[in-house]
Full PDB file with SEQRES, HELIX, SHEET, SSBOND, CRYST1, ORIGX, SCALE, CONECT and MASTER records, all heavy atoms in Angstrom:
SEQRES   1 A   39  GLU VAL ASP GLY SER PRO THR ASP VAL ARG PHE ARG LYS          
SEQRES   2 A   39  THR ASP LEU GLY ASN ASP GLY VAL ILE VAL GLU ILE ASN          
SEQRES   3 A   39  ALA ASP ASP ASN PRO TRP PHE PRO GLU VAL LEU LYS ILE          
HELIX    1 AA1 PRO A    6  ASP A    8  1                                   3    
HELIX    2 AA2 VAL A    9  LYS A   13  3                                   5    
HELIX    3 AA3 GLY A   17  ASP A   19  5                                   3    
HELIX    4 AA4 ALA A   27  ASP A   29  5                                   3    
HELIX    5 AA5 GLU A   35  LYS A   38  1                                   4    
CRYST1    1.000    1.000    1.000  90.00  90.00  90.00 P 1           1          
ORIGX1      1.000000  0.000000  0.000000        0.00000                         
ORIGX2      0.000000  1.000000  0.000000        0.00000                         
ORIGX3      0.000000  0.000000  1.000000        0.00000                         
SCALE1      1.000000  0.000000  0.000000        0.00000                         
SCALE2      0.000000  1.000000  0.000000        0.00000                         
SCALE3      0.000000  0.000000  1.000000        0.00000                         
ATOM      1  N   GLU A   1     -27.351 -91.866  25.959  1.00  0.00           N  
ATOM      2  CA  GLU A   1     -28.002 -93.168  25.830  1.00  0.00           C  
ATOM      3  C   GLU A   1     -27.104 -94.145  25.087  1.00  0.00           C  
ATOM      4  O   GLU A   1     -26.760 -95.199  25.613  1.00  0.00           O  
ATOM      5  CB  GLU A   1     -29.346 -93.039  25.121  1.00  0.00           C  
ATOM      6  CG  GLU A   1     -30.088 -94.358  25.015  1.00  0.00           C  
ATOM      7  CD  GLU A   1     -31.544 -94.202  24.627  1.00  0.00           C  
ATOM      8  OE1 GLU A   1     -32.011 -93.054  24.496  1.00  0.00           O  
ATOM      9  OE2 GLU A   1     -32.216 -95.239  24.471  1.00  0.00           O  
ATOM     10  N   VAL A   2     -26.684 -93.776  23.880  1.00  0.00           N  
ATOM     11  CA  VAL A   2     -25.884 -94.679  23.061  1.00  0.00           C  
ATOM     12  C   VAL A   2     -24.438 -94.198  23.017  1.00  0.00           C  
ATOM     13  O   VAL A   2     -24.173 -93.058  22.629  1.00  0.00           O  
ATOM     14  CB  VAL A   2     -26.442 -94.773  21.628  1.00  0.00           C  
ATOM     15  CG1 VAL A   2     -25.566 -95.683  20.772  1.00  0.00           C  
ATOM     16  CG2 VAL A   2     -27.880 -95.274  21.649  1.00  0.00           C  
ATOM     17  N   ASP A   3     -23.528 -95.057  23.425  1.00  0.00           N  
ATOM     18  CA  ASP A   3     -22.103 -94.757  23.320  1.00  0.00           C  
ATOM     19  C   ASP A   3     -21.733 -94.700  21.839  1.00  0.00           C  
ATOM     20  O   ASP A   3     -21.803 -95.699  21.128  1.00  0.00           O  
ATOM     21  CB  ASP A   3     -21.306 -95.853  24.026  1.00  0.00           C  
ATOM     22  CG  ASP A   3     -19.812 -95.562  24.090  1.00  0.00           C  
ATOM     23  OD1 ASP A   3     -19.377 -94.550  23.508  1.00  0.00           O  
ATOM     24  OD2 ASP A   3     -19.083 -96.344  24.716  1.00  0.00           O  
ATOM     25  N   GLY A   4     -21.348 -93.508  21.363  1.00  0.00           N  
ATOM     26  CA  GLY A   4     -20.998 -93.352  19.961  1.00  0.00           C  
ATOM     27  C   GLY A   4     -22.102 -92.763  19.110  1.00  0.00           C  
ATOM     28  O   GLY A   4     -21.995 -92.769  17.871  1.00  0.00           O  
ATOM     29  N   SER A   5     -23.160 -92.247  19.721  1.00  0.00           N  
ATOM     30  CA  SER A   5     -24.195 -91.558  18.951  1.00  0.00           C  
ATOM     31  C   SER A   5     -23.582 -90.316  18.305  1.00  0.00           C  
ATOM     32  O   SER A   5     -22.541 -89.822  18.755  1.00  0.00           O  
ATOM     33  CB  SER A   5     -25.361 -91.153  19.849  1.00  0.00           C  
ATOM     34  OG  SER A   5     -24.971 -90.099  20.725  1.00  0.00           O  
ATOM     35  N   PRO A   6     -24.191 -89.773  17.244  1.00  0.00           N  
ATOM     36  CA  PRO A   6     -23.616 -88.585  16.591  1.00  0.00           C  
ATOM     37  C   PRO A   6     -23.383 -87.419  17.554  1.00  0.00           C  
ATOM     38  O   PRO A   6     -22.354 -86.738  17.473  1.00  0.00           O  
ATOM     39  CB  PRO A   6     -24.668 -88.236  15.524  1.00  0.00           C  
ATOM     40  CG  PRO A   6     -25.280 -89.543  15.183  1.00  0.00           C  
ATOM     41  CD  PRO A   6     -25.338 -90.304  16.475  1.00  0.00           C  
ATOM     42  N   THR A   7     -24.306 -87.193  18.466  1.00  0.00           N  
ATOM     43  CA  THR A   7     -24.119 -86.115  19.448  1.00  0.00           C  
ATOM     44  C   THR A   7     -22.979 -86.442  20.393  1.00  0.00           C  
ATOM     45  O   THR A   7     -22.153 -85.577  20.722  1.00  0.00           O  
ATOM     46  CB  THR A   7     -25.422 -85.892  20.236  1.00  0.00           C  
ATOM     47  OG1 THR A   7     -26.456 -85.503  19.328  1.00  0.00           O  
ATOM     48  CG2 THR A   7     -25.243 -84.808  21.292  1.00  0.00           C  
ATOM     49  N   ASP A   8     -22.915 -87.678  20.836  1.00  0.00           N  
ATOM     50  CA  ASP A   8     -21.852 -88.133  21.730  1.00  0.00           C  
ATOM     51  C   ASP A   8     -20.485 -87.945  21.092  1.00  0.00           C  
ATOM     52  O   ASP A   8     -19.553 -87.425  21.713  1.00  0.00           O  
ATOM     53  CB  ASP A   8     -22.096 -89.610  22.070  1.00  0.00           C  
ATOM     54  CG  ASP A   8     -21.080 -90.182  23.044  1.00  0.00           C  
ATOM     55  OD1 ASP A   8     -21.080 -89.764  24.207  1.00  0.00           O  
ATOM     56  OD2 ASP A   8     -20.295 -91.043  22.629  1.00  0.00           O  
ATOM     57  N   VAL A   9     -20.365 -88.369  19.846  1.00  0.00           N  
ATOM     58  CA  VAL A   9     -19.082 -88.267  19.143  1.00  0.00           C  
ATOM     59  C   VAL A   9     -18.700 -86.807  18.909  1.00  0.00           C  
ATOM     60  O   VAL A   9     -17.550 -86.399  19.131  1.00  0.00           O  
ATOM     61  CB  VAL A   9     -19.144 -89.021  17.801  1.00  0.00           C  
ATOM     62  CG1 VAL A   9     -17.901 -88.730  16.964  1.00  0.00           C  
ATOM     63  CG2 VAL A   9     -19.281 -90.525  18.052  1.00  0.00           C  
ATOM     64  N   ARG A  10     -19.641 -85.999  18.497  1.00  0.00           N  
ATOM     65  CA  ARG A  10     -19.345 -84.627  18.095  1.00  0.00           C  
ATOM     66  C   ARG A  10     -19.017 -83.725  19.284  1.00  0.00           C  
ATOM     67  O   ARG A  10     -18.129 -82.870  19.188  1.00  0.00           O  
ATOM     68  CB  ARG A  10     -20.531 -84.052  17.317  1.00  0.00           C  
ATOM     69  CG  ARG A  10     -20.284 -82.675  16.730  1.00  0.00           C  
ATOM     70  CD  ARG A  10     -21.480 -82.244  15.890  1.00  0.00           C  
ATOM     71  NE  ARG A  10     -21.607 -83.020  14.685  1.00  0.00           N  
ATOM     72  CZ  ARG A  10     -21.009 -82.730  13.533  1.00  0.00           C  
ATOM     73  NH1 ARG A  10     -20.215 -81.664  13.450  1.00  0.00           N  
ATOM     74  NH2 ARG A  10     -21.190 -83.491  12.471  1.00  0.00           N  
ATOM     75  N   PHE A  11     -19.698 -83.929  20.412  1.00  0.00           N  
ATOM     76  CA  PHE A  11     -19.547 -82.979  21.514  1.00  0.00           C  
ATOM     77  C   PHE A  11     -18.928 -83.555  22.781  1.00  0.00           C  
ATOM     78  O   PHE A  11     -18.527 -82.796  23.658  1.00  0.00           O  
ATOM     79  CB  PHE A  11     -20.906 -82.371  21.858  1.00  0.00           C  
ATOM     80  CG  PHE A  11     -21.486 -81.546  20.754  1.00  0.00           C  
ATOM     81  CD1 PHE A  11     -22.532 -82.031  19.986  1.00  0.00           C  
ATOM     82  CD2 PHE A  11     -20.966 -80.295  20.460  1.00  0.00           C  
ATOM     83  CE1 PHE A  11     -23.070 -81.275  18.951  1.00  0.00           C  
ATOM     84  CE2 PHE A  11     -21.492 -79.531  19.424  1.00  0.00           C  
ATOM     85  CZ  PHE A  11     -22.544 -80.024  18.667  1.00  0.00           C  
ATOM     86  N   ARG A  12     -18.835 -84.866  22.888  1.00  0.00           N  
ATOM     87  CA  ARG A  12     -18.246 -85.463  24.095  1.00  0.00           C  
ATOM     88  C   ARG A  12     -16.920 -86.139  23.808  1.00  0.00           C  
ATOM     89  O   ARG A  12     -15.966 -85.986  24.570  1.00  0.00           O  
ATOM     90  CB  ARG A  12     -19.231 -86.473  24.699  1.00  0.00           C  
ATOM     91  CG  ARG A  12     -18.746 -87.122  25.989  1.00  0.00           C  
ATOM     92  CD  ARG A  12     -19.821 -88.030  26.571  1.00  0.00           C  
ATOM     93  NE  ARG A  12     -19.380 -88.703  27.771  1.00  0.00           N  
ATOM     94  CZ  ARG A  12     -20.149 -89.528  28.495  1.00  0.00           C  
ATOM     95  NH1 ARG A  12     -21.400 -89.749  28.135  1.00  0.00           N  
ATOM     96  NH2 ARG A  12     -19.660 -90.111  29.578  1.00  0.00           N  
ATOM     97  N   LYS A  13     -16.848 -86.868  22.726  1.00  0.00           N  
ATOM     98  CA  LYS A  13     -15.635 -87.617  22.426  1.00  0.00           C  
ATOM     99  C   LYS A  13     -14.635 -86.824  21.594  1.00  0.00           C  
ATOM    100  O   LYS A  13     -13.473 -87.219  21.478  1.00  0.00           O  
ATOM    101  CB  LYS A  13     -15.986 -88.929  21.708  1.00  0.00           C  
ATOM    102  CG  LYS A  13     -16.808 -89.885  22.555  1.00  0.00           C  
ATOM    103  CD  LYS A  13     -17.000 -91.209  21.861  1.00  0.00           C  
ATOM    104  CE  LYS A  13     -17.860 -92.161  22.664  1.00  0.00           C  
ATOM    105  NZ  LYS A  13     -17.345 -92.443  24.003  1.00  0.00           N  
ATOM    106  N   THR A  14     -15.070 -85.716  21.011  1.00  0.00           N  
ATOM    107  CA  THR A  14     -14.187 -84.882  20.203  1.00  0.00           C  
ATOM    108  C   THR A  14     -13.664 -83.720  21.039  1.00  0.00           C  
ATOM    109  O   THR A  14     -14.430 -83.064  21.739  1.00  0.00           O  
ATOM    110  CB  THR A  14     -14.934 -84.322  18.978  1.00  0.00           C  
ATOM    111  OG1 THR A  14     -15.405 -85.408  18.185  1.00  0.00           O  
ATOM    112  CG2 THR A  14     -14.016 -83.449  18.127  1.00  0.00           C  
ATOM    113  N   ASP A  15     -12.381 -83.502  20.989  1.00  0.00           N  
ATOM    114  CA  ASP A  15     -11.773 -82.388  21.721  1.00  0.00           C  
ATOM    115  C   ASP A  15     -12.112 -81.082  21.009  1.00  0.00           C  
ATOM    116  O   ASP A  15     -11.668 -80.834  19.891  1.00  0.00           O  
ATOM    117  CB  ASP A  15     -10.260 -82.587  21.801  1.00  0.00           C  
ATOM    118  CG  ASP A  15      -9.562 -81.503  22.627  1.00  0.00           C  
ATOM    119  OD1 ASP A  15     -10.269 -80.658  23.215  1.00  0.00           O  
ATOM    120  OD2 ASP A  15      -8.319 -81.507  22.680  1.00  0.00           O  
ATOM    121  N   LEU A  16     -12.888 -80.253  21.669  1.00  0.00           N  
ATOM    122  CA  LEU A  16     -13.291 -78.974  21.074  1.00  0.00           C  
ATOM    123  C   LEU A  16     -12.248 -77.882  21.286  1.00  0.00           C  
ATOM    124  O   LEU A  16     -12.402 -76.779  20.757  1.00  0.00           O  
ATOM    125  CB  LEU A  16     -14.630 -78.524  21.669  1.00  0.00           C  
ATOM    126  CG  LEU A  16     -15.825 -79.471  21.434  1.00  0.00           C  
ATOM    127  CD1 LEU A  16     -17.048 -78.961  22.175  1.00  0.00           C  
ATOM    128  CD2 LEU A  16     -16.113 -79.610  19.948  1.00  0.00           C  
ATOM    129  N   GLY A  17     -11.216 -78.181  22.050  1.00  0.00           N  
ATOM    130  CA  GLY A  17     -10.159 -77.202  22.286  1.00  0.00           C  
ATOM    131  C   GLY A  17     -10.694 -75.940  22.936  1.00  0.00           C  
ATOM    132  O   GLY A  17     -11.509 -75.983  23.857  1.00  0.00           O  
ATOM    133  N   ASN A  18     -10.249 -74.813  22.442  1.00  0.00           N  
ATOM    134  CA  ASN A  18     -10.679 -73.521  22.986  1.00  0.00           C  
ATOM    135  C   ASN A  18     -12.027 -73.062  22.456  1.00  0.00           C  
ATOM    136  O   ASN A  18     -12.515 -71.991  22.822  1.00  0.00           O  
ATOM    137  CB  ASN A  18      -9.626 -72.451  22.683  1.00  0.00           C  
ATOM    138  CG  ASN A  18      -8.338 -72.689  23.433  1.00  0.00           C  
ATOM    139  OD1 ASN A  18      -8.348 -73.166  24.569  1.00  0.00           O  
ATOM    140  ND2 ASN A  18      -7.208 -72.366  22.801  1.00  0.00           N  
ATOM    141  N   ASP A  19     -12.633 -73.883  21.584  1.00  0.00           N  
ATOM    142  CA  ASP A  19     -13.901 -73.478  20.973  1.00  0.00           C  
ATOM    143  C   ASP A  19     -15.112 -73.788  21.840  1.00  0.00           C  
ATOM    144  O   ASP A  19     -16.206 -73.297  21.546  1.00  0.00           O  
ATOM    145  CB  ASP A  19     -14.082 -74.166  19.614  1.00  0.00           C  
ATOM    146  CG  ASP A  19     -13.085 -73.660  18.587  1.00  0.00           C  
ATOM    147  OD1 ASP A  19     -12.646 -72.504  18.716  1.00  0.00           O  
ATOM    148  OD2 ASP A  19     -12.749 -74.426  17.679  1.00  0.00           O  
ATOM    149  N   GLY A  20     -14.945 -74.621  22.872  1.00  0.00           N  
ATOM    150  CA  GLY A  20     -16.128 -74.999  23.620  1.00  0.00           C  
ATOM    151  C   GLY A  20     -15.866 -75.506  25.017  1.00  0.00           C  
ATOM    152  O   GLY A  20     -14.738 -75.857  25.373  1.00  0.00           O  
ATOM    153  N   VAL A  21     -16.932 -75.529  25.807  1.00  0.00           N  
ATOM    154  CA  VAL A  21     -16.910 -76.090  27.152  1.00  0.00           C  
ATOM    155  C   VAL A  21     -18.114 -77.023  27.279  1.00  0.00           C  
ATOM    156  O   VAL A  21     -19.266 -76.584  27.214  1.00  0.00           O  
ATOM    157  CB  VAL A  21     -16.986 -75.005  28.240  1.00  0.00           C  
ATOM    158  CG1 VAL A  21     -16.963 -75.643  29.629  1.00  0.00           C  
ATOM    159  CG2 VAL A  21     -15.853 -74.009  28.105  1.00  0.00           C  
ATOM    160  N   ILE A  22     -17.842 -78.315  27.448  1.00  0.00           N  
ATOM    161  CA  ILE A  22     -18.881 -79.320  27.616  1.00  0.00           C  
ATOM    162  C   ILE A  22     -18.613 -80.038  28.934  1.00  0.00           C  
ATOM    163  O   ILE A  22     -17.499 -80.500  29.169  1.00  0.00           O  
ATOM    164  CB  ILE A  22     -18.885 -80.344  26.465  1.00  0.00           C  
ATOM    165  CG1 ILE A  22     -18.886 -79.646  25.092  1.00  0.00           C  
ATOM    166  CG2 ILE A  22     -20.065 -81.294  26.602  1.00  0.00           C  
ATOM    167  CD1 ILE A  22     -20.144 -78.917  24.739  1.00  0.00           C  
ATOM    168  N   VAL A  23     -19.625 -80.151  29.799  1.00  0.00           N  
ATOM    169  CA  VAL A  23     -19.423 -80.776  31.102  1.00  0.00           C  
ATOM    170  C   VAL A  23     -20.461 -81.863  31.338  1.00  0.00           C  
ATOM    171  O   VAL A  23     -21.530 -81.876  30.722  1.00  0.00           O  
ATOM    172  CB  VAL A  23     -19.505 -79.744  32.250  1.00  0.00           C  
ATOM    173  CG1 VAL A  23     -18.456 -78.652  32.076  1.00  0.00           C  
ATOM    174  CG2 VAL A  23     -20.899 -79.140  32.357  1.00  0.00           C  
ATOM    175  N   GLU A  24     -20.124 -82.759  32.240  1.00  0.00           N  
ATOM    176  CA  GLU A  24     -21.084 -83.762  32.708  1.00  0.00           C  
ATOM    177  C   GLU A  24     -21.708 -83.276  34.002  1.00  0.00           C  
ATOM    178  O   GLU A  24     -21.017 -82.781  34.895  1.00  0.00           O  
ATOM    179  CB  GLU A  24     -20.404 -85.109  32.946  1.00  0.00           C  
ATOM    180  CG  GLU A  24     -21.351 -86.180  33.466  1.00  0.00           C  
ATOM    181  CD  GLU A  24     -20.694 -87.532  33.672  1.00  0.00           C  
ATOM    182  OE1 GLU A  24     -19.454 -87.623  33.514  1.00  0.00           O  
ATOM    183  OE2 GLU A  24     -21.414 -88.501  33.996  1.00  0.00           O  
ATOM    184  N   ILE A  25     -23.009 -83.408  34.116  1.00  0.00           N  
ATOM    185  CA  ILE A  25     -23.706 -83.024  35.341  1.00  0.00           C  
ATOM    186  C   ILE A  25     -24.849 -83.998  35.584  1.00  0.00           C  
ATOM    187  O   ILE A  25     -25.628 -84.296  34.677  1.00  0.00           O  
ATOM    188  CB  ILE A  25     -24.213 -81.564  35.275  1.00  0.00           C  
ATOM    189  CG1 ILE A  25     -24.902 -81.182  36.587  1.00  0.00           C  
ATOM    190  CG2 ILE A  25     -25.129 -81.335  34.081  1.00  0.00           C  
ATOM    191  CD1 ILE A  25     -25.179 -79.695  36.708  1.00  0.00           C  
ATOM    192  N   ASN A  26     -24.915 -84.510  36.819  1.00  0.00           N  
ATOM    193  CA  ASN A  26     -25.937 -85.483  37.163  1.00  0.00           C  
ATOM    194  C   ASN A  26     -26.762 -85.013  38.363  1.00  0.00           C  
ATOM    195  O   ASN A  26     -26.514 -83.938  38.914  1.00  0.00           O  
ATOM    196  CB  ASN A  26     -25.283 -86.840  37.441  1.00  0.00           C  
ATOM    197  CG  ASN A  26     -24.627 -87.413  36.204  1.00  0.00           C  
ATOM    198  OD1 ASN A  26     -25.250 -87.493  35.147  1.00  0.00           O  
ATOM    199  ND2 ASN A  26     -23.355 -87.795  36.309  1.00  0.00           N  
ATOM    200  N   ALA A  27     -27.713 -85.818  38.753  1.00  0.00           N  
ATOM    201  CA  ALA A  27     -28.651 -85.419  39.805  1.00  0.00           C  
ATOM    202  C   ALA A  27     -27.935 -85.019  41.089  1.00  0.00           C  
ATOM    203  O   ALA A  27     -28.323 -84.054  41.757  1.00  0.00           O  
ATOM    204  CB  ALA A  27     -29.632 -86.556  40.066  1.00  0.00           C  
ATOM    205  N   ASP A  28     -26.875 -85.732  41.446  1.00  0.00           N  
ATOM    206  CA  ASP A  28     -26.157 -85.431  42.684  1.00  0.00           C  
ATOM    207  C   ASP A  28     -25.437 -84.084  42.628  1.00  0.00           C  
ATOM    208  O   ASP A  28     -25.003 -83.573  43.664  1.00  0.00           O  
ATOM    209  CB  ASP A  28     -25.139 -86.533  42.990  1.00  0.00           C  
ATOM    210  CG  ASP A  28     -25.814 -87.812  43.471  1.00  0.00           C  
ATOM    211  OD1 ASP A  28     -26.956 -87.729  43.962  1.00  0.00           O  
ATOM    212  OD2 ASP A  28     -25.201 -88.892  43.355  1.00  0.00           O  
ATOM    213  N   ASP A  29     -25.296 -83.525  41.432  1.00  0.00           N  
ATOM    214  CA  ASP A  29     -24.622 -82.234  41.280  1.00  0.00           C  
ATOM    215  C   ASP A  29     -25.580 -81.050  41.370  1.00  0.00           C  
ATOM    216  O   ASP A  29     -25.148 -79.904  41.296  1.00  0.00           O  
ATOM    217  CB  ASP A  29     -23.897 -82.181  39.924  1.00  0.00           C  
ATOM    218  CG  ASP A  29     -22.884 -83.302  39.764  1.00  0.00           C  
ATOM    219  OD1 ASP A  29     -22.099 -83.511  40.706  1.00  0.00           O  
ATOM    220  OD2 ASP A  29     -22.884 -83.965  38.714  1.00  0.00           O  
ATOM    221  N   ASN A  30     -26.856 -81.329  41.522  1.00  0.00           N  
ATOM    222  CA  ASN A  30     -27.863 -80.274  41.572  1.00  0.00           C  
ATOM    223  C   ASN A  30     -28.217 -79.944  43.018  1.00  0.00           C  
ATOM    224  O   ASN A  30     -28.884 -80.735  43.689  1.00  0.00           O  
ATOM    225  CB  ASN A  30     -29.125 -80.716  40.815  1.00  0.00           C  
ATOM    226  CG  ASN A  30     -30.182 -79.626  40.776  1.00  0.00           C  
ATOM    227  OD1 ASN A  30     -29.977 -78.515  41.255  1.00  0.00           O  
ATOM    228  ND2 ASN A  30     -31.334 -79.948  40.195  1.00  0.00           N  
ATOM    229  N   PRO A  31     -27.789 -78.795  43.541  1.00  0.00           N  
ATOM    230  CA  PRO A  31     -28.096 -78.456  44.939  1.00  0.00           C  
ATOM    231  C   PRO A  31     -29.569 -78.213  45.192  1.00  0.00           C  
ATOM    232  O   PRO A  31     -29.997 -78.168  46.349  1.00  0.00           O  
ATOM    233  CB  PRO A  31     -27.270 -77.186  45.183  1.00  0.00           C  
ATOM    234  CG  PRO A  31     -26.989 -76.624  43.836  1.00  0.00           C  
ATOM    235  CD  PRO A  31     -26.961 -77.774  42.882  1.00  0.00           C  
ATOM    236  N   TRP A  32     -30.366 -78.064  44.134  1.00  0.00           N  
ATOM    237  CA  TRP A  32     -31.809 -77.852  44.272  1.00  0.00           C  
ATOM    238  C   TRP A  32     -32.596 -79.054  43.762  1.00  0.00           C  
ATOM    239  O   TRP A  32     -33.723 -78.927  43.304  1.00  0.00           O  
ATOM    240  CB  TRP A  32     -32.227 -76.588  43.529  1.00  0.00           C  
ATOM    241  CG  TRP A  32     -31.452 -75.383  43.989  1.00  0.00           C  
ATOM    242  CD1 TRP A  32     -31.634 -74.671  45.146  1.00  0.00           C  
ATOM    243  CD2 TRP A  32     -30.356 -74.765  43.316  1.00  0.00           C  
ATOM    244  NE1 TRP A  32     -30.713 -73.657  45.232  1.00  0.00           N  
ATOM    245  CE2 TRP A  32     -29.914 -73.676  44.122  1.00  0.00           C  
ATOM    246  CE3 TRP A  32     -29.691 -75.006  42.111  1.00  0.00           C  
ATOM    247  CZ2 TRP A  32     -28.856 -72.854  43.755  1.00  0.00           C  
ATOM    248  CZ3 TRP A  32     -28.634 -74.194  41.750  1.00  0.00           C  
ATOM    249  CH2 TRP A  32     -28.227 -73.128  42.563  1.00  0.00           C  
ATOM    250  N   PHE A  33     -32.003 -80.229  43.868  1.00  0.00           N  
ATOM    251  CA  PHE A  33     -32.669 -81.442  43.406  1.00  0.00           C  
ATOM    252  C   PHE A  33     -34.002 -81.596  44.145  1.00  0.00           C  
ATOM    253  O   PHE A  33     -34.035 -81.669  45.368  1.00  0.00           O  
ATOM    254  CB  PHE A  33     -31.773 -82.649  43.664  1.00  0.00           C  
ATOM    255  CG  PHE A  33     -32.265 -83.933  43.059  1.00  0.00           C  
ATOM    256  CD1 PHE A  33     -32.402 -84.061  41.697  1.00  0.00           C  
ATOM    257  CD2 PHE A  33     -32.591 -85.012  43.866  1.00  0.00           C  
ATOM    258  CE1 PHE A  33     -32.843 -85.245  41.133  1.00  0.00           C  
ATOM    259  CE2 PHE A  33     -33.040 -86.203  43.325  1.00  0.00           C  
ATOM    260  CZ  PHE A  33     -33.167 -86.314  41.943  1.00  0.00           C  
ATOM    261  N   PRO A  34     -35.123 -81.644  43.416  1.00  0.00           N  
ATOM    262  CA  PRO A  34     -36.444 -81.621  44.061  1.00  0.00           C  
ATOM    263  C   PRO A  34     -36.718 -82.852  44.927  1.00  0.00           C  
ATOM    264  O   PRO A  34     -36.288 -83.962  44.599  1.00  0.00           O  
ATOM    265  CB  PRO A  34     -37.410 -81.581  42.870  1.00  0.00           C  
ATOM    266  CG  PRO A  34     -36.588 -81.162  41.697  1.00  0.00           C  
ATOM    267  CD  PRO A  34     -35.213 -81.656  41.955  1.00  0.00           C  
ATOM    268  N   GLU A  35     -37.436 -82.635  46.004  1.00  0.00           N  
ATOM    269  CA  GLU A  35     -37.770 -83.721  46.914  1.00  0.00           C  
ATOM    270  C   GLU A  35     -38.585 -84.802  46.212  1.00  0.00           C  
ATOM    271  O   GLU A  35     -38.396 -85.999  46.456  1.00  0.00           O  
ATOM    272  CB  GLU A  35     -38.554 -83.170  48.106  1.00  0.00           C  
ATOM    273  CG  GLU A  35     -38.777 -84.185  49.219  1.00  0.00           C  
ATOM    274  CD  GLU A  35     -37.474 -84.639  49.866  1.00  0.00           C  
ATOM    275  OE1 GLU A  35     -36.541 -83.828  49.956  1.00  0.00           O  
ATOM    276  OE2 GLU A  35     -37.411 -85.822  50.281  1.00  0.00           O  
ATOM    277  N   VAL A  36     -39.483 -84.393  45.315  1.00  0.00           N  
ATOM    278  CA  VAL A  36     -40.305 -85.375  44.620  1.00  0.00           C  
ATOM    279  C   VAL A  36     -39.446 -86.294  43.752  1.00  0.00           C  
ATOM    280  O   VAL A  36     -39.731 -87.498  43.627  1.00  0.00           O  
ATOM    281  CB  VAL A  36     -41.385 -84.668  43.760  1.00  0.00           C  
ATOM    282  CG1 VAL A  36     -40.747 -83.837  42.639  1.00  0.00           C  
ATOM    283  CG2 VAL A  36     -42.362 -85.686  43.181  1.00  0.00           C  
ATOM    284  N   LEU A  37     -38.369 -85.754  43.178  1.00  0.00           N  
ATOM    285  CA  LEU A  37     -37.471 -86.595  42.384  1.00  0.00           C  
ATOM    286  C   LEU A  37     -36.586 -87.464  43.269  1.00  0.00           C  
ATOM    287  O   LEU A  37     -36.166 -88.549  42.852  1.00  0.00           O  
ATOM    288  CB  LEU A  37     -36.616 -85.738  41.452  1.00  0.00           C  
ATOM    289  CG  LEU A  37     -37.340 -85.111  40.260  1.00  0.00           C  
ATOM    290  CD1 LEU A  37     -36.348 -84.410  39.340  1.00  0.00           C  
ATOM    291  CD2 LEU A  37     -38.117 -86.158  39.466  1.00  0.00           C  
ATOM    292  N   LYS A  38     -36.298 -87.004  44.486  1.00  0.00           N  
ATOM    293  CA  LYS A  38     -35.545 -87.849  45.431  1.00  0.00           C  
ATOM    294  C   LYS A  38     -36.338 -89.116  45.726  1.00  0.00           C  
ATOM    295  O   LYS A  38     -35.781 -90.220  45.777  1.00  0.00           O  
ATOM    296  CB  LYS A  38     -35.268 -87.086  46.719  1.00  0.00           C  
ATOM    297  CG  LYS A  38     -34.255 -85.970  46.594  1.00  0.00           C  
ATOM    298  CD  LYS A  38     -34.037 -85.278  47.930  1.00  0.00           C  
ATOM    299  CE  LYS A  38     -33.063 -84.112  47.794  1.00  0.00           C  
ATOM    300  NZ  LYS A  38     -32.866 -83.406  49.090  1.00  0.00           N  
ATOM    301  N   ILE A  39     -37.642 -88.958  45.909  1.00  0.00           N  
ATOM    302  CA  ILE A  39     -38.502 -90.114  46.170  1.00  0.00           C  
ATOM    303  C   ILE A  39     -38.539 -91.026  44.950  1.00  0.00           C  
ATOM    304  O   ILE A  39     -38.448 -92.252  45.052  1.00  0.00           O  
ATOM    305  CB  ILE A  39     -39.921 -89.635  46.539  1.00  0.00           C  
ATOM    306  CG1 ILE A  39     -39.878 -88.835  47.849  1.00  0.00           C  
ATOM    307  CG2 ILE A  39     -40.875 -90.823  46.665  1.00  0.00           C  
ATOM    308  CD1 ILE A  39     -41.186 -88.142  48.179  1.00  0.00           C  
TER     309      ILE A  39                                                      
MASTER        0    0    0    5    0    0    0    6  308    1    0    3          
END                                                                             
């Protein structure tokens, strides 16, 4: 929601190196995206 929120800074903008894996995933990436949500 907010660019620069504490969660955003700690887990998205900070390089976690070998300690973590953080990915972006949106509705188009879900092969089981429900029909009701498509509507």
